[in-house]
C-alpha atoms as a PDB file:
ATOM      1  CA  UNK A   1     115.170 110.649  93.138  1.00  0.00           C
ATOM      2  CA  UNK A   2     117.267 110.037  90.017  1.00  0.00           C
ATOM      3  CA  UNK A   3     116.793 106.292  90.379  1.00  0.00           C
ATOM      4  CA  UNK A   4     113.017 106.710  90.739  1.00  0.00           C
ATOM      5  CA  UNK A   5     112.884 108.928  87.650  1.00  0.00           C
ATOM      6  CA  UNK A   6     114.925 106.420  85.654  1.00  0.00           C
ATOM      7  CA  UNK A   7     112.555 103.626  86.629  1.00  0.00           C
ATOM      8  CA  UNK A   8     109.468 105.714  85.815  1.00  0.00           C
ATOM      9  CA  UNK A   9     110.856 106.736  82.416  1.00  0.00           C
ATOM     10  CA  UNK A  10     111.953 103.181  81.556  1.00  0.00           C
ATOM     11  CA  UNK A  11     108.545 101.734  82.431  1.00  0.00           C
ATOM     12  CA  UNK A  12     106.753 104.486  80.548  1.00  0.00           C
ATOM     13  CA  UNK A  13     108.957 104.128  77.470  1.00  0.00           C
ATOM     14  CA  UNK A  14     108.008 100.455  77.296  1.00  0.00           C
ATOM     15  CA  UNK A  15     104.317 101.172  77.648  1.00  0.00           C
ATOM     16  CA  UNK A  16     104.022 104.596  76.037  1.00  0.00           C
ATOM     17  CA  UNK A  17     101.477 107.167  77.154  1.00  0.00           C
ATOM     18  CA  UNK A  18     103.528 110.123  78.384  1.00  0.00           C
ATOM     19  CA  UNK A  19     102.686 111.853  81.642  1.00  0.00           C
ATOM     20  CA  UNK A  20      99.414 109.939  82.142  1.00  0.00           C
ATOM     21  CA  UNK A  21     101.302 106.635  82.015  1.00  0.00           C
ATOM     22  CA  UNK A  22     103.954 108.023  84.367  1.00  0.00           C
ATOM     23  CA  UNK A  23     101.231 108.983  86.834  1.00  0.00           C
ATOM     24  CA  UNK A  24      99.757 105.489  86.722  1.00  0.00           C
ATOM     25  CA  UNK A  25     103.163 103.870  87.262  1.00  0.00           C
ATOM     26  CA  UNK A  26     103.942 106.297  90.096  1.00  0.00           C
ATOM     27  CA  UNK A  27     100.688 105.383  91.841  1.00  0.00           C
ATOM     28  CA  UNK A  28     101.466 101.689  91.412  1.00  0.00           C
ATOM     29  CA  UNK A  29     104.876 102.172  93.017  1.00  0.00           C
ATOM     30  CA  UNK A  30     103.301 103.974  95.972  1.00  0.00           C
ATOM     31  CA  UNK A  31     100.720 101.185  96.395  1.00  0.00           C
ATOM     32  CA  UNK A  32     103.413  98.502  96.214  1.00  0.00           C
ATOM     33  CA  UNK A  33     105.530 100.214  98.857  1.00  0.00           C
ATOM     34  CA  UNK A  34     102.480 100.709 101.110  1.00  0.00           C
ATOM     35  CA  UNK A  35     101.802  96.985 100.894  1.00  0.00           C
ATOM     36  CA  UNK A  36     105.452  96.230 101.684  1.00  0.00           C
ATOM     37  CA  UNK A  37     105.075  98.308 104.854  1.00  0.00           C
ATOM     38  CA  UNK A  38     101.953  96.397 105.877  1.00  0.00           C
ATOM     39  CA  UNK A  39     103.591  93.027 105.205  1.00  0.00           C
ATOM     40  CA  UNK A  40     106.628  94.005 107.284  1.00  0.00           C
ATOM     41  CA  UNK A  41     104.333  94.250 110.309  1.00  0.00           C
ATOM     42  CA  UNK A  42     102.028  91.265 109.856  1.00  0.00           C
ATOM     43  CA  UNK A  43     101.816  87.803 108.381  1.00  0.00           C
ATOM     44  CA  UNK A  44     100.385  87.849 104.839  1.00  0.00           C
ATOM     45  CA  UNK A  45      97.423  85.839 103.611  1.00  0.00           C
ATOM     46  CA  UNK A  46      93.648  86.110 103.522  1.00  0.00           C
ATOM     47  CA  UNK A  47      93.266  83.448 106.194  1.00  0.00           C
ATOM     48  CA  UNK A  48      95.711  85.221 108.465  1.00  0.00           C
ATOM     49  CA  UNK A  49      93.820  88.490 107.993  1.00  0.00           C
ATOM     50  CA  UNK A  50      90.691  86.724 109.214  1.00  0.00           C
ATOM     51  CA  UNK A  51      92.616  85.365 112.215  1.00  0.00           C
ATOM     52  CA  UNK A  52      93.832  88.849 113.150  1.00  0.00           C
ATOM     53  CA  UNK A  53      90.295  90.240 113.004  1.00  0.00           C
ATOM     54  CA  UNK A  54      88.787  87.330 114.903  1.00  0.00           C
ATOM     55  CA  UNK A  55      91.539  87.466 117.508  1.00  0.00           C
ATOM     56  CA  UNK A  56      90.806  91.153 118.133  1.00  0.00           C
ATOM     57  CA  UNK A  57      87.077  90.434 118.332  1.00  0.00           C
ATOM     58  CA  UNK A  58      87.632  87.597 120.820  1.00  0.00           C
ATOM     59  CA  UNK A  59      90.071  89.688 122.874  1.00  0.00           C
ATOM     60  CA  UNK A  60      87.552  92.530 123.138  1.00  0.00           C
ATOM     61  CA  UNK A  61      84.754  90.159 124.167  1.00  0.00           C
ATOM     62  CA  UNK A  62      87.050  88.409 126.643  1.00  0.00           C
ATOM     63  CA  UNK A  63      87.972  91.687 128.318  1.00  0.00           C
ATOM     64  CA  UNK A  64      84.305  92.666 128.462  1.00  0.00           C
ATOM     65  CA  UNK A  65      83.494  89.349 130.151  1.00  0.00           C
ATOM     66  CA  UNK A  66      86.206  90.022 132.712  1.00  0.00           C
ATOM     67  CA  UNK A  67      86.970  87.366 135.331  1.00  0.00           C
ATOM     68  CA  UNK A  68      84.013  85.283 134.124  1.00  0.00           C
ATOM     69  CA  UNK A  69      85.779  84.679 130.751  1.00  0.00           C
ATOM     70  CA  UNK A  70      86.533  81.030 129.992  1.00  0.00           C
ATOM     71  CA  UNK A  71      89.251  79.760 127.660  1.00  0.00           C
ATOM     72  CA  UNK A  72      86.765  77.648 125.662  1.00  0.00           C
ATOM     73  CA  UNK A  73      84.816  80.781 124.700  1.00  0.00           C
ATOM     74  CA  UNK A  74      87.906  82.538 123.319  1.00  0.00           C
ATOM     75  CA  UNK A  75      90.116  79.893 121.667  1.00  0.00           C
ATOM     76  CA  UNK A  76      92.410  82.333 119.849  1.00  0.00           C
ATOM     77  CA  UNK A  77      93.007  84.305 123.029  1.00  0.00           C
ATOM     78  CA  UNK A  78      93.526  81.064 124.934  1.00  0.00           C
ATOM     79  CA  UNK A  79      96.126  79.982 122.374  1.00  0.00           C
ATOM     80  CA  UNK A  80      98.087  83.179 123.008  1.00  0.00           C
ATOM     81  CA  UNK A  81      97.764  82.761 126.781  1.00  0.00           C
ATOM     82  CA  UNK A  82      99.075  79.197 126.592  1.00  0.00           C
ATOM     83  CA  UNK A  83     102.064  80.140 124.454  1.00  0.00           C
ATOM     84  CA  UNK A  84     102.922  83.230 126.508  1.00  0.00           C
ATOM     85  CA  UNK A  85     102.321  81.520 129.832  1.00  0.00           C
ATOM     86  CA  UNK A  86      99.944  84.203 131.030  1.00  0.00           C
ATOM     87  CA  UNK A  87      96.344  84.572 132.137  1.00  0.00           C
ATOM     88  CA  UNK A  88      93.528  84.770 129.601  1.00  0.00           C
ATOM     89  CA  UNK A  89      92.736  88.434 130.355  1.00  0.00           C
ATOM     90  CA  UNK A  90      96.404  89.377 130.098  1.00  0.00           C
ATOM     91  CA  UNK A  91      96.624  87.705 126.679  1.00  0.00           C
ATOM     92  CA  UNK A  92      93.473  89.534 125.584  1.00  0.00           C
ATOM     93  CA  UNK A  93      95.060  92.830 126.603  1.00  0.00           C
ATOM     94  CA  UNK A  94      98.237  91.997 124.675  1.00  0.00           C
ATOM     95  CA  UNK A  95      96.229  91.147 121.564  1.00  0.00           C
ATOM     96  CA  UNK A  96      94.250  94.376 121.708  1.00  0.00           C
ATOM     97  CA  UNK A  97      97.353  96.505 122.287  1.00  0.00           C
ATOM     98  CA  UNK A  98      99.012  94.971 119.236  1.00  0.00           C
ATOM     99  CA  UNK A  99      95.838  95.360 117.204  1.00  0.00           C
ATOM    100  CA  UNK A 100      95.641  99.038 118.179  1.00  0.00           C
ATOM    101  CA  UNK A 101      99.277  99.515 117.117  1.00  0.00           C
ATOM    102  CA  UNK A 102      98.403  97.953 113.773  1.00  0.00           C
ATOM    103  CA  UNK A 103      95.424 100.295 113.337  1.00  0.00           C
ATOM    104  CA  UNK A 104      97.687 103.285 113.968  1.00  0.00           C
ATOM    105  CA  UNK A 105     100.259 101.990 111.479  1.00  0.00           C
ATOM    106  CA  UNK A 106      97.563 101.302 108.881  1.00  0.00           C
ATOM    107  CA  UNK A 107      96.233 104.844 109.295  1.00  0.00           C
ATOM    108  CA  UNK A 108      99.677 106.386 108.849  1.00  0.00           C
ATOM    109  CA  UNK A 109     100.385 104.230 105.773  1.00  0.00           C
ATOM    110  CA  UNK A 110      97.009 105.105 104.305  1.00  0.00           C
ATOM    111  CA  UNK A 111      97.545 108.821 104.928  1.00  0.00           C
ATOM    112  CA  UNK A 112     100.921 108.681 103.138  1.00  0.00           C
ATOM    113  CA  UNK A 113      99.501 106.623 100.269  1.00  0.00           C
ATOM    114  CA  UNK A 114      96.428 108.776  99.716  1.00  0.00           C
ATOM    115  CA  UNK A 115      98.381 112.046 100.007  1.00  0.00           C
ATOM    116  CA  UNK A 116     100.947 110.841  97.484  1.00  0.00           C
ATOM    117  CA  UNK A 117      98.287 109.752  95.014  1.00  0.00           C
ATOM    118  CA  UNK A 118      96.530 113.112  95.319  1.00  0.00           C
ATOM    119  CA  UNK A 119      99.812 114.912  94.647  1.00  0.00           C
ATOM    120  CA  UNK A 120     100.607 112.575  91.745  1.00  0.00           C
ATOM    121  CA  UNK A 121      97.276 113.405  90.113  1.00  0.00           C
ATOM    122  CA  UNK A 122      98.189 117.111  90.229  1.00  0.00           C
ATOM    123  CA  UNK A 123     101.815 116.761  89.103  1.00  0.00           C
ATOM    124  CA  UNK A 124     102.568 118.551  85.845  1.00  0.00           C
ATOM    125  CA  UNK A 125     106.012 117.169  85.027  1.00  0.00           C
ATOM    126  CA  UNK A 126     108.156 114.076  85.166  1.00  0.00           C
ATOM    127  CA  UNK A 127     110.446 115.841  87.614  1.00  0.00           C
ATOM    128  CA  UNK A 128     107.539 116.603  89.972  1.00  0.00           C
ATOM    129  CA  UNK A 129     106.348 112.997  89.750  1.00  0.00           C
ATOM    130  CA  UNK A 130     109.808 111.692  90.528  1.00  0.00           C
ATOM    131  CA  UNK A 131     110.112 113.944  93.561  1.00  0.00           C
ATOM    132  CA  UNK A 132     106.709 112.903  94.905  1.00  0.00           C
ATOM    133  CA  UNK A 133     107.411 109.207  94.450  1.00  0.00           C
ATOM    134  CA  UNK A 134     110.920 109.407  95.941  1.00  0.00           C
ATOM    135  CA  UNK A 135     109.677 111.340  98.969  1.00  0.00           C
ATOM    136  CA  UNK A 136     106.779 108.950  99.503  1.00  0.00           C
ATOM    137  CA  UNK A 137     108.858 105.805  99.093  1.00  0.00           C
ATOM    138  CA  UNK A 138     111.337 107.153 101.651  1.00  0.00           C
ATOM    139  CA  UNK A 139     108.566 107.955 104.136  1.00  0.00           C
ATOM    140  CA  UNK A 140     106.958 104.548 103.655  1.00  0.00           C
ATOM    141  CA  UNK A 141     110.310 102.804 103.969  1.00  0.00           C
ATOM    142  CA  UNK A 142     110.818 104.462 107.363  1.00  0.00           C
ATOM    143  CA  UNK A 143     107.450 103.031 108.440  1.00  0.00           C
ATOM    144  CA  UNK A 144     108.407  99.598 107.118  1.00  0.00           C
ATOM    145  CA  UNK A 145     111.409  99.552 109.438  1.00  0.00           C
ATOM    146  CA  UNK A 146     109.629 101.117 112.435  1.00  0.00           C
ATOM    147  CA  UNK A 147     108.806  99.230 115.581  1.00  0.00           C
ATOM    148  CA  UNK A 148     105.375  99.642 117.186  1.00  0.00           C
ATOM    149  CA  UNK A 149     106.463 102.395 119.564  1.00  0.00           C
ATOM    150  CA  UNK A 150     108.125 104.366 116.737  1.00  0.00           C
ATOM    151  CA  UNK A 151     105.007 104.692 114.591  1.00  0.00           C
ATOM    152  CA  UNK A 152     103.971 108.346 114.304  1.00  0.00           C
ATOM    153  CA  UNK A 153     100.379 108.942 115.330  1.00  0.00           C
ATOM    154  CA  UNK A 154      98.058 110.194 112.577  1.00  0.00           C
END
């Protein structure tokens, strides 16, 4: 916590603004750590985000089609199947399981982020802000290092 307080004070001293500026910096730190957690579990980039969404959409449609599903209809699922050496429906299931793990992780990260920001808004001292930020950064760091099966359900 001492290190977090030092960083908050140093940043605030440069910018001025007292407790309001400390709150803003604290929220920025929480947002940055939340993004670090997300990036530890997926490939960054706007194009990649589209691919993840489209892959999940194709996997869902493929599973709904069942045995009638054809590789040409679901190229992103087919790409996974080819690389993994498995059937199209199996690849679709893998994609959806991973997507569901990501949704759970995103929900946990968002809960931590939003709760911290709510507490930061109510904090009445530098010490309280430092404690909130330190606690939140620790919790988010645990999520950053977690594997899919270690992610706590919301």
